[in-house]
Amino acid sequence: MNCEAFLDRLYDDDVRAAGRGLVALPPDLRAHMLACPGCAAAYHAACADDLLLTRALVDVPSPVWCTEALRQIGDSRRAPWSQRLATVNEAVIWGILAVAASQILGGSSTSAFVAAFGAGGTAALLLPSLTNHWQAVRRPLRLA
């Protein structure tokens, strides 16, 4: 087996099930991973991405969190269009900042970036105090 064939099989159902510990890794892939550290790293990264996505899909927010999120969304609909635009702007900015922070902390997968963006945007919507802090940071510094 060569690296191209290995990477091609990386997201097959049997390999993903092996990454979750449900079945044994196919022998041809296991043999190639022992000989090729690059493919072994790719396998472990794919397993980590799969675990992250699985946890994100399985974790269900509490009813209290859902109620609060819906209340916040409902409140923003009654706001004028400029306030809604500002709210979306803040959510996007915090999402981008979260992606940058995850990149600095060593995140390198697309699913990690999507999760970070979602978490940053949600934090901006659900925690208005974060936007107040961001407003303070964006103000120009005045030197005495």
Protein backbone atom coordinates (compact mmCIF):
# COMPACT_ATOMS: atom_id res chain seq x y z
CA MET A 1 0.00 0.00 0.00
CA ASN A 2 1.24 3.48 -0.84
CA CYS A 3 0.49 6.79 0.89
CA GLU A 4 -2.09 7.85 -1.70
CA ALA A 5 -4.10 4.65 -1.22
CA PHE A 6 -3.81 5.01 2.56
CA LEU A 7 -5.12 8.58 2.52
CA ASP A 8 -7.88 7.55 0.13
CA ARG A 9 -9.13 4.93 2.62
CA LEU A 10 -8.78 7.17 5.66
CA TYR A 11 -12.46 8.17 5.77
CA ASP A 12 -13.96 4.79 4.84
CA ASP A 13 -16.47 3.40 7.31
CA ASP A 14 -14.26 0.52 8.47
CA VAL A 15 -11.30 2.83 9.15
CA ARG A 16 -13.48 5.37 10.97
CA ALA A 17 -14.99 2.57 13.08
CA ALA A 18 -11.45 1.42 13.91
CA GLY A 19 -10.55 4.96 14.95
CA ARG A 20 -13.48 4.90 17.38
CA GLY A 21 -12.28 1.57 18.79
CA LEU A 22 -15.26 -0.40 17.52
CA VAL A 23 -13.32 -2.74 15.23
CA ALA A 24 -9.69 -3.55 14.51
CA LEU A 25 -7.78 -1.44 11.99
CA PRO A 26 -7.46 -3.30 8.66
CA PRO A 27 -4.10 -5.11 8.51
CA ASP A 28 -2.89 -3.39 5.33
CA LEU A 29 -3.46 0.05 6.87
CA ARG A 30 -1.86 -0.97 10.16
CA ALA A 31 1.24 -2.25 8.34
CA HIS A 32 1.55 0.96 6.31
CA MET A 33 1.13 3.13 9.42
CA LEU A 34 4.01 1.32 11.12
CA ALA A 35 6.27 2.10 8.16
CA CYS A 36 5.09 5.66 7.42
CA PRO A 37 5.00 8.24 10.23
CA GLY A 38 3.29 10.81 7.98
CA CYS A 39 0.33 8.53 7.33
CA ALA A 40 0.21 7.57 11.01
CA ALA A 41 -0.07 11.27 11.88
CA ALA A 42 -2.79 11.73 9.25
CA TYR A 43 -4.71 8.76 10.73
CA HIS A 44 -4.52 10.17 14.27
CA ALA A 45 -5.60 13.62 13.05
CA ALA A 46 -8.58 12.09 11.23
CA CYS A 47 -9.51 10.16 14.39
CA ALA A 48 -9.34 13.37 16.45
CA ASP A 49 -11.53 15.20 13.92
CA ASP A 50 -14.03 12.35 13.91
CA LEU A 51 -14.16 12.35 17.72
CA LEU A 52 -14.65 16.12 17.82
CA LEU A 53 -17.50 15.99 15.30
CA THR A 54 -19.13 13.02 17.01
CA ARG A 55 -19.06 14.78 20.38
CA ALA A 56 -20.41 17.98 18.86
CA LEU A 57 -23.35 16.08 17.34
CA VAL A 58 -24.05 14.02 20.45
CA ASP A 59 -23.84 16.82 23.02
CA VAL A 60 -27.26 18.36 23.39
CA PRO A 61 -27.56 21.74 25.07
CA SER A 62 -29.66 21.94 28.22
CA PRO A 63 -33.25 23.18 27.96
CA VAL A 64 -32.27 26.27 29.97
CA TRP A 65 -29.54 27.10 27.44
CA CYS A 66 -31.95 26.61 24.52
CA THR A 67 -34.56 28.82 26.18
CA GLU A 68 -32.02 31.58 26.81
CA ALA A 69 -30.68 31.35 23.25
CA LEU A 70 -34.20 31.62 21.82
CA ARG A 71 -34.96 34.58 24.11
CA GLN A 72 -31.80 36.36 22.96
CA ILE A 73 -32.68 35.70 19.32
CA GLY A 74 -36.23 36.90 19.91
CA ASP A 75 -34.98 40.10 21.53
CA SER A 76 -32.72 40.88 18.60
CA ARG A 77 -35.61 40.62 16.12
CA ARG A 78 -37.40 43.50 17.82
CA ALA A 79 -34.32 45.67 17.57
CA PRO A 80 -33.89 48.07 14.64
CA TRP A 81 -32.02 46.81 11.61
CA SER A 82 -28.86 48.70 12.59
CA GLN A 83 -28.79 46.95 15.97
CA ARG A 84 -29.33 43.58 14.31
CA LEU A 85 -26.49 44.31 11.90
CA ALA A 86 -24.25 45.28 14.82
CA THR A 87 -25.18 42.04 16.62
CA VAL A 88 -24.28 39.95 13.59
CA ASN A 89 -21.06 41.94 13.21
CA GLU A 90 -20.08 41.23 16.83
CA ALA A 91 -20.88 37.52 16.46
CA VAL A 92 -18.72 37.27 13.33
CA ILE A 93 -15.85 39.20 14.94
CA TRP A 94 -15.87 36.97 18.03
CA GLY A 95 -16.07 33.90 15.80
CA ILE A 96 -13.02 35.05 13.84
CA LEU A 97 -11.15 35.81 17.07
CA ALA A 98 -11.97 32.33 18.37
CA VAL A 99 -10.66 30.75 15.15
CA ALA A 100 -7.45 32.78 15.45
CA ALA A 101 -7.07 31.68 19.08
CA SER A 102 -7.60 28.03 18.15
CA GLN A 103 -4.96 28.37 15.43
CA ILE A 104 -2.50 29.89 17.89
CA LEU A 105 -3.23 27.10 20.37
CA GLY A 106 -2.43 24.47 17.78
CA GLY A 107 -5.77 23.72 16.13
CA SER A 108 -5.27 22.82 12.51
CA SER A 109 -8.39 21.00 11.40
CA THR A 110 -11.40 22.43 9.65
CA SER A 111 -13.76 20.99 12.23
CA ALA A 112 -11.80 22.70 15.03
CA PHE A 113 -12.06 26.03 13.19
CA VAL A 114 -15.81 25.59 12.61
CA ALA A 115 -16.33 24.69 16.27
CA ALA A 116 -14.25 27.67 17.41
CA PHE A 117 -16.14 30.06 15.11
CA GLY A 118 -19.47 28.76 16.39
CA ALA A 119 -18.37 29.02 20.01
CA GLY A 120 -17.07 32.57 19.55
CA GLY A 121 -20.19 33.73 17.76
CA THR A 122 -22.46 32.07 20.32
CA ALA A 123 -20.50 33.62 23.16
CA ALA A 124 -20.97 37.07 21.63
CA LEU A 125 -24.72 36.51 21.34
CA LEU A 126 -25.28 34.97 24.75
CA LEU A 127 -22.85 37.00 26.81
CA PRO A 128 -23.41 40.68 26.06
CA SER A 129 -20.63 41.62 28.47
CA LEU A 130 -18.13 40.19 25.97
CA THR A 131 -19.19 42.74 23.40
CA ASN A 132 -18.74 45.52 25.96
CA HIS A 133 -15.16 44.36 26.54
CA TRP A 134 -14.58 44.22 22.78
CA GLN A 135 -15.86 47.79 22.43
CA ALA A 136 -13.31 48.88 25.04
CA VAL A 137 -10.51 47.11 23.16
CA ARG A 138 -11.50 48.66 19.81
CA ARG A 139 -11.40 52.23 21.14
CA PRO A 140 -8.24 54.07 20.14
CA LEU A 141 -5.65 54.44 22.85
CA ARG A 142 -5.13 57.94 24.13
CA LEU A 143 -1.64 58.71 25.24
CA ALA A 144 -1.31 61.14 28.14
